[in-house]
Amino acid sequence: MPEAIPSPFHVLSLSGGGFFGLYSVSVLAAIEKEAGRPLARNFDLLAGTSVGGIIALGLAAEVPAAEIKSAFERNGTAIFSERPAPTTRWGRPTVSTRPEPTCARASPKMPARPSATRG
């Protein structure tokens, strides 16, 4: 009898970086919005270092990524320092104010929503 192939184990690992976590959580908010459900339901393990761990804890508790992003935007300078939010070397914000991107492809745990449900 052939050996059973184990199912994949999906891990979301988030790095630290202080206020730069705003970029990570912005991307996660766009993915979560496209998925239409909490990100924690798409992974077997959520982990992170420093602020990435804090974001992972929030996501694991099914706090919406957009809510975590809002907390960064409201309280980031009070939490991390008096410095302004991160910018690129050209002075632009690291987080775009343009509409959030849509996911090009869904993973097996994050099936694409039918196009008829998009608003």
PDB file of N, CA and C in Angstrom:
ATOM      1  N   MET A   1       0.850  -1.169   0.000  1.00  0.00           N
ATOM      2  CA  MET A   1       0.000   0.000   0.000  1.00  0.00           C
ATOM      3  C   MET A   1       0.901   1.240   0.000  1.00  0.00           C
ATOM      4  N   PRO A   2       0.645   2.190  -0.902  1.00  0.00           N
ATOM      5  CA  PRO A   2       1.475   3.401  -0.947  1.00  0.00           C
ATOM      6  C   PRO A   2       1.274   4.256   0.301  1.00  0.00           C
ATOM      7  N   GLU A   3       2.360   4.951   0.666  1.00  0.00           N
ATOM      8  CA  GLU A   3       2.310   5.827   1.838  1.00  0.00           C
ATOM      9  C   GLU A   3       1.471   7.070   1.524  1.00  0.00           C
ATOM     10  N   ALA A   4       0.632   7.457   2.460  1.00  0.00           N
ATOM     11  CA  ALA A   4      -0.226   8.630   2.266  1.00  0.00           C
ATOM     12  C   ALA A   4       0.625   9.893   2.245  1.00  0.00           C
ATOM     13  N   ILE A   5       0.284  10.778   1.355  1.00  0.00           N
ATOM     14  CA  ILE A   5       0.983  12.065   1.265  1.00  0.00           C
ATOM     15  C   ILE A   5       0.351  13.002   2.281  1.00  0.00           C
ATOM     16  N   PRO A   6       1.171  13.556   3.194  1.00  0.00           N
ATOM     17  CA  PRO A   6       0.582  14.458   4.182  1.00  0.00           C
ATOM     18  C   PRO A   6       0.065  15.731   3.523  1.00  0.00           C
ATOM     19  N   SER A   7      -0.996  16.273   4.106  1.00  0.00           N
ATOM     20  CA  SER A   7      -1.528  17.526   3.560  1.00  0.00           C
ATOM     21  C   SER A   7      -0.579  18.663   3.922  1.00  0.00           C
ATOM     22  N   PRO A   8      -0.540  19.713   3.117  1.00  0.00           N
ATOM     23  CA  PRO A   8       0.363  20.829   3.398  1.00  0.00           C
ATOM     24  C   PRO A   8      -0.003  21.516   4.711  1.00  0.00           C
ATOM     25  N   PHE A   9       1.001  22.033   5.370  1.00  0.00           N
ATOM     26  CA  PHE A   9       0.838  22.775   6.617  1.00  0.00           C
ATOM     27  C   PHE A   9       1.129  24.220   6.292  1.00  0.00           C
ATOM     28  N   HIS A  10       0.132  25.088   6.365  1.00  0.00           N
ATOM     29  CA  HIS A  10       0.263  26.481   5.950  1.00  0.00           C
ATOM     30  C   HIS A  10       0.656  27.370   7.122  1.00  0.00           C
ATOM     31  N   VAL A  11       1.789  28.061   6.956  1.00  0.00           N
ATOM     32  CA  VAL A  11       2.333  28.923   8.004  1.00  0.00           C
ATOM     33  C   VAL A  11       2.391  30.362   7.501  1.00  0.00           C
ATOM     34  N   LEU A  12       1.948  31.298   8.333  1.00  0.00           N
ATOM     35  CA  LEU A  12       2.130  32.723   8.063  1.00  0.00           C
ATOM     36  C   LEU A  12       3.136  33.221   9.087  1.00  0.00           C
ATOM     37  N   SER A  13       4.303  33.633   8.614  1.00  0.00           N
ATOM     38  CA  SER A  13       5.362  34.115   9.489  1.00  0.00           C
ATOM     39  C   SER A  13       5.617  35.588   9.180  1.00  0.00           C
ATOM     40  N   LEU A  14       5.524  36.430  10.206  1.00  0.00           N
ATOM     41  CA  LEU A  14       5.639  37.877  10.019  1.00  0.00           C
ATOM     42  C   LEU A  14       6.878  38.396  10.741  1.00  0.00           C
ATOM     43  N   SER A  15       7.646  39.210  10.058  1.00  0.00           N
ATOM     44  CA  SER A  15       8.855  39.764  10.670  1.00  0.00           C
ATOM     45  C   SER A  15       8.519  40.995  11.500  1.00  0.00           C
ATOM     46  N   GLY A  16       9.469  41.368  12.341  1.00  0.00           N
ATOM     47  CA  GLY A  16       9.331  42.565  13.154  1.00  0.00           C
ATOM     48  C   GLY A  16       9.730  43.788  12.348  1.00  0.00           C
ATOM     49  N   GLY A  17      10.012  44.854  13.035  1.00  0.00           N
ATOM     50  CA  GLY A  17      10.441  46.062  12.348  1.00  0.00           C
ATOM     51  C   GLY A  17       9.751  47.314  12.839  1.00  0.00           C
ATOM     52  N   GLY A  18       9.112  47.235  14.013  1.00  0.00           N
ATOM     53  CA  GLY A  18       8.485  48.428  14.563  1.00  0.00           C
ATOM     54  C   GLY A  18       7.381  48.958  13.670  1.00  0.00           C
ATOM     55  N   PHE A  19       7.468  50.245  13.376  1.00  0.00           N
ATOM     56  CA  PHE A  19       6.421  50.906  12.589  1.00  0.00           C
ATOM     57  C   PHE A  19       6.324  50.343  11.170  1.00  0.00           C
ATOM     58  N   PHE A  20       7.362  49.641  10.702  1.00  0.00           N
ATOM     59  CA  PHE A  20       7.288  49.046   9.375  1.00  0.00           C
ATOM     60  C   PHE A  20       6.257  47.912   9.321  1.00  0.00           C
ATOM     61  N   GLY A  21       5.780  47.469  10.490  1.00  0.00           N
ATOM     62  CA  GLY A  21       4.689  46.501  10.524  1.00  0.00           C
ATOM     63  C   GLY A  21       3.436  47.043   9.856  1.00  0.00           C
ATOM     64  N   LEU A  22       3.337  48.366   9.745  1.00  0.00           N
ATOM     65  CA  LEU A  22       2.202  48.986   9.062  1.00  0.00           C
ATOM     66  C   LEU A  22       2.131  48.514   7.615  1.00  0.00           C
ATOM     67  N   TYR A  23       3.281  48.366   6.981  1.00  0.00           N
ATOM     68  CA  TYR A  23       3.288  47.867   5.600  1.00  0.00           C
ATOM     69  C   TYR A  23       2.750  46.435   5.569  1.00  0.00           C
ATOM     70  N   SER A  24       3.270  45.573   6.442  1.00  0.00           N
ATOM     71  CA  SER A  24       2.836  44.171   6.460  1.00  0.00           C
ATOM     72  C   SER A  24       1.333  44.053   6.689  1.00  0.00           C
ATOM     73  N   VAL A  25       0.831  44.780   7.685  1.00  0.00           N
ATOM     74  CA  VAL A  25      -0.589  44.660   8.005  1.00  0.00           C
ATOM     75  C   VAL A  25      -1.451  45.286   6.903  1.00  0.00           C
ATOM     76  N   SER A  26      -0.927  46.244   6.158  1.00  0.00           N
ATOM     77  CA  SER A  26      -1.679  46.808   5.021  1.00  0.00           C
ATOM     78  C   SER A  26      -1.854  45.772   3.924  1.00  0.00           C
ATOM     79  N   VAL A  27      -0.795  45.030   3.649  1.00  0.00           N
ATOM     80  CA  VAL A  27      -0.878  43.951   2.651  1.00  0.00           C
ATOM     81  C   VAL A  27      -1.843  42.871   3.139  1.00  0.00           C
ATOM     82  N   LEU A  28      -1.724  42.509   4.409  1.00  0.00           N
ATOM     83  CA  LEU A  28      -2.612  41.488   4.969  1.00  0.00           C
ATOM     84  C   LEU A  28      -4.075  41.929   4.943  1.00  0.00           C
ATOM     85  N   ALA A  29      -4.330  43.203   5.183  1.00  0.00           N
ATOM     86  CA  ALA A  29      -5.707  43.718   5.137  1.00  0.00           C
ATOM     87  C   ALA A  29      -6.278  43.586   3.730  1.00  0.00           C
ATOM     88  N   ALA A  30      -5.458  43.850   2.717  1.00  0.00           N
ATOM     89  CA  ALA A  30      -5.929  43.719   1.328  1.00  0.00           C
ATOM     90  C   ALA A  30      -6.221  42.258   0.998  1.00  0.00           C
ATOM     91  N   ILE A  31      -5.372  41.351   1.466  1.00  0.00           N
ATOM     92  CA  ILE A  31      -5.585  39.919   1.219  1.00  0.00           C
ATOM     93  C   ILE A  31      -6.843  39.447   1.945  1.00  0.00           C
ATOM     94  N   GLU A  32      -6.993  39.873   3.189  1.00  0.00           N
ATOM     95  CA  GLU A  32      -8.161  39.462   3.970  1.00  0.00           C
ATOM     96  C   GLU A  32      -9.455  39.984   3.349  1.00  0.00           C
ATOM     97  N   LYS A  33      -9.415  41.204   2.857  1.00  0.00           N
ATOM     98  CA  LYS A  33     -10.590  41.788   2.208  1.00  0.00           C
ATOM     99  C   LYS A  33     -10.965  40.966   0.975  1.00  0.00           C
ATOM    100  N   GLU A  34      -9.981  40.581   0.205  1.00  0.00           N
ATOM    101  CA  GLU A  34     -10.228  39.784  -1.002  1.00  0.00           C
ATOM    102  C   GLU A  34     -10.733  38.384  -0.643  1.00  0.00           C
ATOM    103  N   ALA A  35     -10.182  37.809   0.432  1.00  0.00           N
ATOM    104  CA  ALA A  35     -10.584  36.459   0.849  1.00  0.00           C
ATOM    105  C   ALA A  35     -12.002  36.446   1.407  1.00  0.00           C
ATOM    106  N   GLY A  36     -12.408  37.555   2.023  1.00  0.00           N
ATOM    107  CA  GLY A  36     -13.758  37.628   2.559  1.00  0.00           C
ATOM    108  C   GLY A  36     -13.956  36.891   3.875  1.00  0.00           C
ATOM    109  N   ARG A  37     -12.864  36.565   4.534  1.00  0.00           N
ATOM    110  CA  ARG A  37     -12.950  35.898   5.834  1.00  0.00           C
ATOM    111  C   ARG A  37     -11.658  36.137   6.605  1.00  0.00           C
ATOM    112  N   PRO A  38     -11.662  35.895   7.922  1.00  0.00           N
ATOM    113  CA  PRO A  38     -10.457  36.144   8.712  1.00  0.00           C
ATOM    114  C   PRO A  38      -9.255  35.340   8.198  1.00  0.00           C
ATOM    115  N   LEU A  39      -8.099  35.969   8.155  1.00  0.00           N
ATOM    116  CA  LEU A  39      -6.896  35.304   7.651  1.00  0.00           C
ATOM    117  C   LEU A  39      -6.528  34.074   8.463  1.00  0.00           C
ATOM    118  N   ALA A  40      -6.790  34.092   9.751  1.00  0.00           N
ATOM    119  CA  ALA A  40      -6.424  32.957  10.600  1.00  0.00           C
ATOM    120  C   ALA A  40      -7.048  31.653  10.116  1.00  0.00           C
ATOM    121  N   ARG A  41      -8.181  31.733   9.467  1.00  0.00           N
ATOM    122  CA  ARG A  41      -8.853  30.526   8.969  1.00  0.00           C
ATOM    123  C   ARG A  41      -8.151  29.927   7.751  1.00  0.00           C
ATOM    124  N   ASN A  42      -7.170  30.636   7.217  1.00  0.00           N
ATOM    125  CA  ASN A  42      -6.461  30.164   6.030  1.00  0.00           C
ATOM    126  C   ASN A  42      -5.103  29.548   6.354  1.00  0.00           C
ATOM    127  N   PHE A  43      -4.710  29.559   7.613  1.00  0.00           N
ATOM    128  CA  PHE A  43      -3.388  29.084   8.007  1.00  0.00           C
ATOM    129  C   PHE A  43      -3.498  28.124   9.186  1.00  0.00           C
ATOM    130  N   ASP A  44      -2.528  27.202   9.241  1.00  0.00           N
ATOM    131  CA  ASP A  44      -2.448  26.272  10.358  1.00  0.00           C
ATOM    132  C   ASP A  44      -1.655  26.868  11.516  1.00  0.00           C
ATOM    133  N   LEU A  45      -0.747  27.796  11.209  1.00  0.00           N
ATOM    134  CA  LEU A  45       0.101  28.402  12.225  1.00  0.00           C
ATOM    135  C   LEU A  45       0.380  29.849  11.849  1.00  0.00           C
ATOM    136  N   LEU A  46       0.223  30.751  12.799  1.00  0.00           N
ATOM    137  CA  LEU A  46       0.585  32.159  12.614  1.00  0.00           C
ATOM    138  C   LEU A  46       1.686  32.451  13.618  1.00  0.00           C
ATOM    139  N   ALA A  47       2.780  33.053  13.157  1.00  0.00           N
ATOM    140  CA  ALA A  47       3.917  33.334  14.025  1.00  0.00           C
ATOM    141  C   ALA A  47       4.574  34.629  13.584  1.00  0.00           C
ATOM    142  N   GLY A  48       5.394  35.184  14.465  1.00  0.00           N
ATOM    143  CA  GLY A  48       6.111  36.391  14.098  1.00  0.00           C
ATOM    144  C   GLY A  48       7.092  36.791  15.180  1.00  0.00           C
ATOM    145  N   THR A  49       7.968  37.701  14.816  1.00  0.00           N
ATOM    146  CA  THR A  49       8.919  38.244  15.767  1.00  0.00           C
ATOM    147  C   THR A  49       8.561  39.696  16.018  1.00  0.00           C
ATOM    148  N   SER A  50       8.689  40.113  17.268  1.00  0.00           N
ATOM    149  CA  SER A  50       8.458  41.497  17.659  1.00  0.00           C
ATOM    150  C   SER A  50       7.066  41.947  17.217  1.00  0.00           C
ATOM    151  N   VAL A  51       6.975  43.032  16.459  1.00  0.00           N
ATOM    152  CA  VAL A  51       5.661  43.531  16.054  1.00  0.00           C
ATOM    153  C   VAL A  51       4.948  42.527  15.138  1.00  0.00           C
ATOM    154  N   GLY A  52       5.704  41.714  14.405  1.00  0.00           N
ATOM    155  CA  GLY A  52       5.089  40.666  13.587  1.00  0.00           C
ATOM    156  C   GLY A  52       4.350  39.654  14.452  1.00  0.00           C
ATOM    157  N   GLY A  53       4.898  39.379  15.655  1.00  0.00           N
ATOM    158  CA  GLY A  53       4.227  38.489  16.594  1.00  0.00           C
ATOM    159  C   GLY A  53       2.956  39.096  17.143  1.00  0.00           C
ATOM    160  N   ILE A  54       2.989  40.402  17.374  1.00  0.00           N
ATOM    161  CA  ILE A  54       1.791  41.097  17.864  1.00  0.00           C
ATOM    162  C   ILE A  54       0.697  41.055  16.806  1.00  0.00           C
ATOM    163  N   ILE A  55       1.078  41.302  15.550  1.00  0.00           N
ATOM    164  CA  ILE A  55       0.103  41.218  14.450  1.00  0.00           C
ATOM    165  C   ILE A  55      -0.440  39.795  14.345  1.00  0.00           C
ATOM    166  N   ALA A  56       0.448  38.783  14.443  1.00  0.00           N
ATOM    167  CA  ALA A  56       0.028  37.383  14.364  1.00  0.00           C
ATOM    168  C   ALA A  56      -0.965  37.045  15.477  1.00  0.00           C
ATOM    169  N   LEU A  57      -0.725  37.553  16.697  1.00  0.00           N
ATOM    170  CA  LEU A  57      -1.661  37.310  17.799  1.00  0.00           C
ATOM    171  C   LEU A  57      -3.037  37.892  17.499  1.00  0.00           C
ATOM    172  N   GLY A  58      -3.049  39.114  16.962  1.00  0.00           N
ATOM    173  CA  GLY A  58      -4.329  39.725  16.605  1.00  0.00           C
ATOM    174  C   GLY A  58      -5.055  38.935  15.537  1.00  0.00           C
ATOM    175  N   LEU A  59      -4.327  38.526  14.513  1.00  0.00           N
ATOM    176  CA  LEU A  59      -4.944  37.750  13.436  1.00  0.00           C
ATOM    177  C   LEU A  59      -5.444  36.406  13.941  1.00  0.00           C
ATOM    178  N   ALA A  60      -4.666  35.759  14.835  1.00  0.00           N
ATOM    179  CA  ALA A  60      -5.068  34.462  15.383  1.00  0.00           C
ATOM    180  C   ALA A  60      -6.359  34.590  16.193  1.00  0.00           C
ATOM    181  N   ALA A  61      -6.561  35.756  16.813  1.00  0.00           N
ATOM    182  CA  ALA A  61      -7.795  36.019  17.562  1.00  0.00           C
ATOM    183  C   ALA A  61      -8.918  36.502  16.642  1.00  0.00           C
ATOM    184  N   GLU A  62      -8.659  36.470  15.342  1.00  0.00           N
ATOM    185  CA  GLU A  62      -9.592  36.889  14.301  1.00  0.00           C
ATOM    186  C   GLU A  62      -9.978  38.362  14.407  1.00  0.00           C
ATOM    187  N   VAL A  63      -9.034  39.177  14.892  1.00  0.00           N
ATOM    188  CA  VAL A  63      -9.202  40.627  14.815  1.00  0.00           C
ATOM    189  C   VAL A  63      -8.980  40.983  13.346  1.00  0.00           C
ATOM    190  N   PRO A  64      -9.885  41.694  12.712  1.00  0.00           N
ATOM    191  CA  PRO A  64      -9.694  42.029  11.293  1.00  0.00           C
ATOM    192  C   PRO A  64      -8.373  42.781  11.068  1.00  0.00           C
ATOM    193  N   ALA A  65      -7.666  42.405  10.010  1.00  0.00           N
ATOM    194  CA  ALA A  65      -6.392  43.056   9.688  1.00  0.00           C
ATOM    195  C   ALA A  65      -6.586  44.561   9.482  1.00  0.00           C
ATOM    196  N   ALA A  66      -7.724  44.956   8.941  1.00  0.00           N
ATOM    197  CA  ALA A  66      -7.992  46.386   8.744  1.00  0.00           C
ATOM    198  C   ALA A  66      -8.068  47.109  10.088  1.00  0.00           C
ATOM    199  N   GLU A  67      -8.565  46.429  11.111  1.00  0.00           N
ATOM    200  CA  GLU A  67      -8.638  47.033  12.449  1.00  0.00           C
ATOM    201  C   GLU A  67      -7.231  47.163  13.056  1.00  0.00           C
ATOM    202  N   ILE A  68      -6.391  46.167  12.833  1.00  0.00           N
ATOM    203  CA  ILE A  68      -5.002  46.235  13.305  1.00  0.00           C
ATOM    204  C   ILE A  68      -4.277  47.365  12.575  1.00  0.00           C
ATOM    205  N   LYS A  69      -4.530  47.491  11.279  1.00  0.00           N
ATOM    206  CA  LYS A  69      -3.932  48.575  10.496  1.00  0.00           C
ATOM    207  C   LYS A  69      -4.360  49.933  11.047  1.00  0.00           C
ATOM    208  N   SER A  70      -5.643  50.077  11.361  1.00  0.00           N
ATOM    209  CA  SER A  70      -6.143  51.337  11.921  1.00  0.00           C
ATOM    210  C   SER A  70      -5.459  51.669  13.244  1.00  0.00           C
ATOM    211  N   ALA A  71      -5.212  50.641  14.061  1.00  0.00           N
ATOM    212  CA  ALA A  71      -4.519  50.856  15.338  1.00  0.00           C
ATOM    213  C   ALA A  71      -3.104  51.372  15.095  1.00  0.00           C
ATOM    214  N   PHE A  72      -2.427  50.828  14.094  1.00  0.00           N
ATOM    215  CA  PHE A  72      -1.091  51.320  13.728  1.00  0.00           C
ATOM    216  C   PHE A  72      -1.166  52.784  13.310  1.00  0.00           C
ATOM    217  N   GLU A  73      -2.133  53.101  12.470  1.00  0.00           N
ATOM    218  CA  GLU A  73      -2.245  54.469  11.956  1.00  0.00           C
ATOM    219  C   GLU A  73      -2.599  55.461  13.063  1.00  0.00           C
ATOM    220  N   ARG A  74      -3.472  55.063  13.992  1.00  0.00           N
ATOM    221  CA  ARG A  74      -3.884  55.946  15.086  1.00  0.00           C
ATOM    222  C   ARG A  74      -2.809  56.114  16.150  1.00  0.00           C
ATOM    223  N   ASN A  75      -2.149  55.017  16.494  1.00  0.00           N
ATOM    224  CA  ASN A  75      -1.281  55.007  17.672  1.00  0.00           C
ATOM    225  C   ASN A  75       0.188  54.748  17.382  1.00  0.00           C
ATOM    226  N   GLY A  76       0.544  54.579  16.123  1.00  0.00           N
ATOM    227  CA  GLY A  76       1.911  54.191  15.778  1.00  0.00           C
ATOM    228  C   GLY A  76       2.996  55.083  16.335  1.00  0.00           C
ATOM    229  N   THR A  77       2.870  56.389  16.181  1.00  0.00           N
ATOM    230  CA  THR A  77       3.931  57.275  16.666  1.00  0.00           C
ATOM    231  C   THR A  77       3.988  57.285  18.189  1.00  0.00           C
ATOM    232  N   ALA A  78       2.875  57.094  18.865  1.00  0.00           N
ATOM    233  CA  ALA A  78       2.878  57.043  20.333  1.00  0.00           C
ATOM    234  C   ALA A  78       3.517  55.743  20.829  1.00  0.00           C
ATOM    235  N   ILE A  79       3.330  54.667  20.092  1.00  0.00           N
ATOM    236  CA  ILE A  79       3.869  53.374  20.500  1.00  0.00           C
ATOM    237  C   ILE A  79       5.357  53.265  20.169  1.00  0.00           C
ATOM    238  N   PHE A  80       5.723  53.625  18.958  1.00  0.00           N
ATOM    239  CA  PHE A  80       7.081  53.368  18.495  1.00  0.00           C
ATOM    240  C   PHE A  80       8.039  54.522  18.733  1.00  0.00           C
ATOM    241  N   SER A  81       7.650  55.734  18.512  1.00  0.00           N
ATOM    242  CA  SER A  81       8.494  56.899  18.767  1.00  0.00           C
ATOM    243  C   SER A  81       7.777  58.133  18.242  1.00  0.00           C
ATOM    244  N   GLU A  82       8.425  59.254  18.356  1.00  0.00           N
ATOM    245  CA  GLU A  82       7.868  60.501  17.838  1.00  0.00           C
ATOM    246  C   GLU A  82       8.121  60.647  16.341  1.00  0.00           C
ATOM    247  N   ARG A  83       8.844  59.697  15.775  1.00  0.00           N
ATOM    248  CA  ARG A  83       9.114  59.769  14.340  1.00  0.00           C
ATOM    249  C   ARG A  83       7.824  59.590  13.547  1.00  0.00           C
ATOM    250  N   PRO A  84       7.748  60.201  12.378  1.00  0.00           N
ATOM    251  CA  PRO A  84       6.559  60.002  11.538  1.00  0.00           C
ATOM    252  C   PRO A  84       6.546  58.581  10.966  1.00  0.00           C
ATOM    253  N   ALA A  85       5.433  58.230  10.370  1.00  0.00           N
ATOM    254  CA  ALA A  85       5.317  56.916   9.736  1.00  0.00           C
ATOM    255  C   ALA A  85       6.430  56.733   8.707  1.00  0.00           C
ATOM    256  N   PRO A  86       6.847  55.484   8.446  1.00  0.00           N
ATOM    257  CA  PRO A  86       7.937  55.228   7.509  1.00  0.00           C
ATOM    258  C   PRO A  86       7.650  55.768   6.110  1.00  0.00           C
ATOM    259  N   THR A  87       8.706  56.237   5.456  1.00  0.00           N
ATOM    260  CA  THR A  87       8.612  56.694   4.068  1.00  0.00           C
ATOM    261  C   THR A  87       9.742  56.063   3.274  1.00  0.00           C
ATOM    262  N   THR A  88       9.614  56.116   1.973  1.00  0.00           N
ATOM    263  CA  THR A  88      10.684  55.627   1.111  1.00  0.00           C
ATOM    264  C   THR A  88      11.821  56.648   1.113  1.00  0.00           C
ATOM    265  N   ARG A  89      12.907  56.313   0.479  1.00  0.00           N
ATOM    266  CA  ARG A  89      14.022  57.272   0.446  1.00  0.00           C
ATOM    267  C   ARG A  89      13.682  58.529  -0.339  1.00  0.00           C
ATOM    268  N   TRP A  90      12.591  58.502  -1.079  1.00  0.00           N
ATOM    269  CA  TRP A  90      12.147  59.680  -1.832  1.00  0.00           C
ATOM    270  C   TRP A  90      11.078  60.456  -1.081  1.00  0.00           C
ATOM    271  N   GLY A  91      10.811  60.067   0.165  1.00  0.00           N
ATOM    272  CA  GLY A  91       9.858  60.794   0.990  1.00  0.00           C
ATOM    273  C   GLY A  91       8.413  60.385   0.820  1.00  0.00           C
ATOM    274  N   ARG A  92       8.159  59.368   0.021  1.00  0.00           N
ATOM    275  CA  ARG A  92       6.779  58.908  -0.169  1.00  0.00           C
ATOM    276  C   ARG A  92       6.401  57.948   0.963  1.00  0.00           C
ATOM    277  N   PRO A  93       5.115  57.891   1.326  1.00  0.00           N
ATOM    278  CA  PRO A  93       4.700  56.930   2.357  1.00  0.00           C
ATOM    279  C   PRO A  93       4.972  55.507   1.882  1.00  0.00           C
ATOM    280  N   THR A  94       5.359  54.634   2.804  1.00  0.00           N
ATOM    281  CA  THR A  94       5.584  53.242   2.422  1.00  0.00           C
ATOM    282  C   THR A  94       4.282  52.514   2.165  1.00  0.00           C
ATOM    283  N   VAL A  95       3.184  53.056   2.665  1.00  0.00           N
ATOM    284  CA  VAL A  95       1.869  52.465   2.438  1.00  0.00           C
ATOM    285  C   VAL A  95       1.123  53.357   1.467  1.00  0.00           C
ATOM    286  N   SER A  96       0.678  52.770   0.383  1.00  0.00           N
ATOM    287  CA  SER A  96       0.014  53.532  -0.668  1.00  0.00           C
ATOM    288  C   SER A  96      -1.372  53.985  -0.236  1.00  0.00           C
ATOM    289  N   THR A  97      -1.775  55.145  -0.712  1.00  0.00           N
ATOM    290  CA  THR A  97      -3.138  55.618  -0.480  1.00  0.00           C
ATOM    291  C   THR A  97      -4.047  55.228  -1.641  1.00  0.00           C
ATOM    292  N   ARG A  98      -3.482  54.562  -2.638  1.00  0.00           N
ATOM    293  CA  ARG A  98      -4.287  54.087  -3.765  1.00  0.00           C
ATOM    294  C   ARG A  98      -5.165  52.921  -3.336  1.00  0.00           C
ATOM    295  N   PRO A  99      -6.178  52.581  -4.121  1.00  0.00           N
ATOM    296  CA  PRO A  99      -7.040  51.453  -3.758  1.00  0.00           C
ATOM    297  C   PRO A  99      -6.208  50.190  -3.554  1.00  0.00           C
ATOM    298  N   GLU A 100      -6.669  49.338  -2.631  1.00  0.00           N
ATOM    299  CA  GLU A 100      -5.943  48.119  -2.326  1.00  0.00           C
ATOM    300  C   GLU A 100      -5.967  47.179  -3.523  1.00  0.00           C
ATOM    301  N   PRO A 101      -4.848  46.437  -3.737  1.00  0.00           N
ATOM    302  CA  PRO A 101      -4.796  45.505  -4.863  1.00  0.00           C
ATOM    303  C   PRO A 101      -5.691  44.297  -4.603  1.00  0.00           C
ATOM    304  N   THR A 102      -6.039  43.603  -5.649  1.00  0.00           N
ATOM    305  CA  THR A 102      -6.788  42.370  -5.496  1.00  0.00           C
ATOM    306  C   THR A 102      -5.831  41.216  -5.693  1.00  0.00           C
ATOM    307  N   CYS A 103      -6.151  40.096  -5.108  1.00  0.00           N
ATOM    308  CA  CYS A 103      -5.297  38.919  -5.230  1.00  0.00           C
ATOM    309  C   CYS A 103      -5.464  38.327  -6.622  1.00  0.00           C
ATOM    310  N   ALA A 104      -4.359  37.950  -7.230  1.00  0.00           N
ATOM    311  CA  ALA A 104      -4.415  37.380  -8.569  1.00  0.00           C
ATOM    312  C   ALA A 104      -4.798  35.912  -8.534  1.00  0.00           C
ATOM    313  N   ARG A 105      -4.420  35.221  -7.443  1.00  0.00           N
ATOM    314  CA  ARG A 105      -4.664  33.792  -7.373  1.00  0.00           C
ATOM    315  C   ARG A 105      -4.986  33.410  -5.932  1.00  0.00           C
ATOM    316  N   ALA A 106      -5.887  32.497  -5.759  1.00  0.00           N
ATOM    317  CA  ALA A 106      -6.242  32.049  -4.415  1.00  0.00           C
ATOM    318  C   ALA A 106      -5.498  30.761  -4.099  1.00  0.00           C
ATOM    319  N   SER A 107      -5.149  30.560  -2.837  1.00  0.00           N
ATOM    320  CA  SER A 107      -4.512  29.324  -2.413  1.00  0.00           C
ATOM    321  C   SER A 107      -5.604  28.281  -2.184  1.00  0.00           C
ATOM    322  N   PRO A 108      -5.215  27.006  -2.007  1.00  0.00           N
ATOM    323  CA  PRO A 108      -6.238  25.978  -1.767  1.00  0.00           C
ATOM    324  C   PRO A 108      -7.083  26.271  -0.534  1.00  0.00           C
ATOM    325  N   LYS A 109      -6.506  26.905   0.488  1.00  0.00           N
ATOM    326  CA  LYS A 109      -7.278  27.221   1.690  1.00  0.00           C
ATOM    327  C   LYS A 109      -8.027  28.532   1.547  1.00  0.00           C
ATOM    328  N   MET A 110      -7.759  29.298   0.507  1.00  0.00           N
ATOM    329  CA  MET A 110      -8.411  30.587   0.296  1.00  0.00           C
ATOM    330  C   MET A 110      -9.042  30.572  -1.098  1.00  0.00           C
ATOM    331  N   PRO A 111     -10.133  29.845  -1.276  1.00  0.00           N
ATOM    332  CA  PRO A 111     -10.726  29.783  -2.606  1.00  0.00           C
ATOM    333  C   PRO A 111     -11.208  31.134  -3.084  1.00  0.00           C
ATOM    334  N   ALA A 112     -11.130  31.330  -4.367  1.00  0.00           N
ATOM    335  CA  ALA A 112     -11.590  32.586  -4.953  1.00  0.00           C
ATOM    336  C   ALA A 112     -13.103  32.682  -4.790  1.00  0.00           C
ATOM    337  N   ARG A 113     -13.552  33.902  -4.518  1.00  0.00           N
ATOM    338  CA  ARG A 113     -14.997  34.116  -4.428  1.00  0.00           C
ATOM    339  C   ARG A 113     -15.560  34.176  -5.833  1.00  0.00           C
ATOM    340  N   PRO A 114     -16.777  33.718  -6.018  1.00  0.00           N
ATOM    341  CA  PRO A 114     -17.406  33.835  -7.337  1.00  0.00           C
ATOM    342  C   PRO A 114     -17.528  35.297  -7.711  1.00  0.00           C
ATOM    343  N   SER A 115     -17.310  35.613  -8.984  1.00  0.00           N
ATOM    344  CA  SER A 115     -17.335  37.003  -9.429  1.00  0.00           C
ATOM    345  C   SER A 115     -18.692  37.656  -9.233  1.00  0.00           C
ATOM    346  N   ALA A 116     -19.756  36.866  -9.150  1.00  0.00           N
ATOM    347  CA  ALA A 116     -21.090  37.431  -8.965  1.00  0.00           C
ATOM    348  C   ALA A 116     -21.264  38.061  -7.584  1.00  0.00           C
ATOM    349  N   THR A 117     -20.389  37.681  -6.609  1.00  0.00           N
ATOM    350  CA  THR A 117     -20.526  38.216  -5.258  1.00  0.00           C
ATOM    351  C   THR A 117     -19.718  39.480  -5.062  1.00  0.00           C
ATOM    352  N   ARG A 118     -18.903  39.852  -6.027  1.00  0.00           N
ATOM    353  CA  ARG A 118     -18.092  41.064  -5.876  1.00  0.00           C
ATOM    354  C   ARG A 118     -18.972  42.284  -6.033  1.00  0.00           C
ATOM    355  N   GLY A 119     -18.661  43.296  -5.218  1.00  0.00           N
ATOM    356  CA  GLY A 119     -19.502  44.485  -5.252  1.00  0.00           C
ATOM    357  C   GLY A 119     -18.891  45.654  -5.788  1.00  0.00           C
TER     358      GLY A 119
END
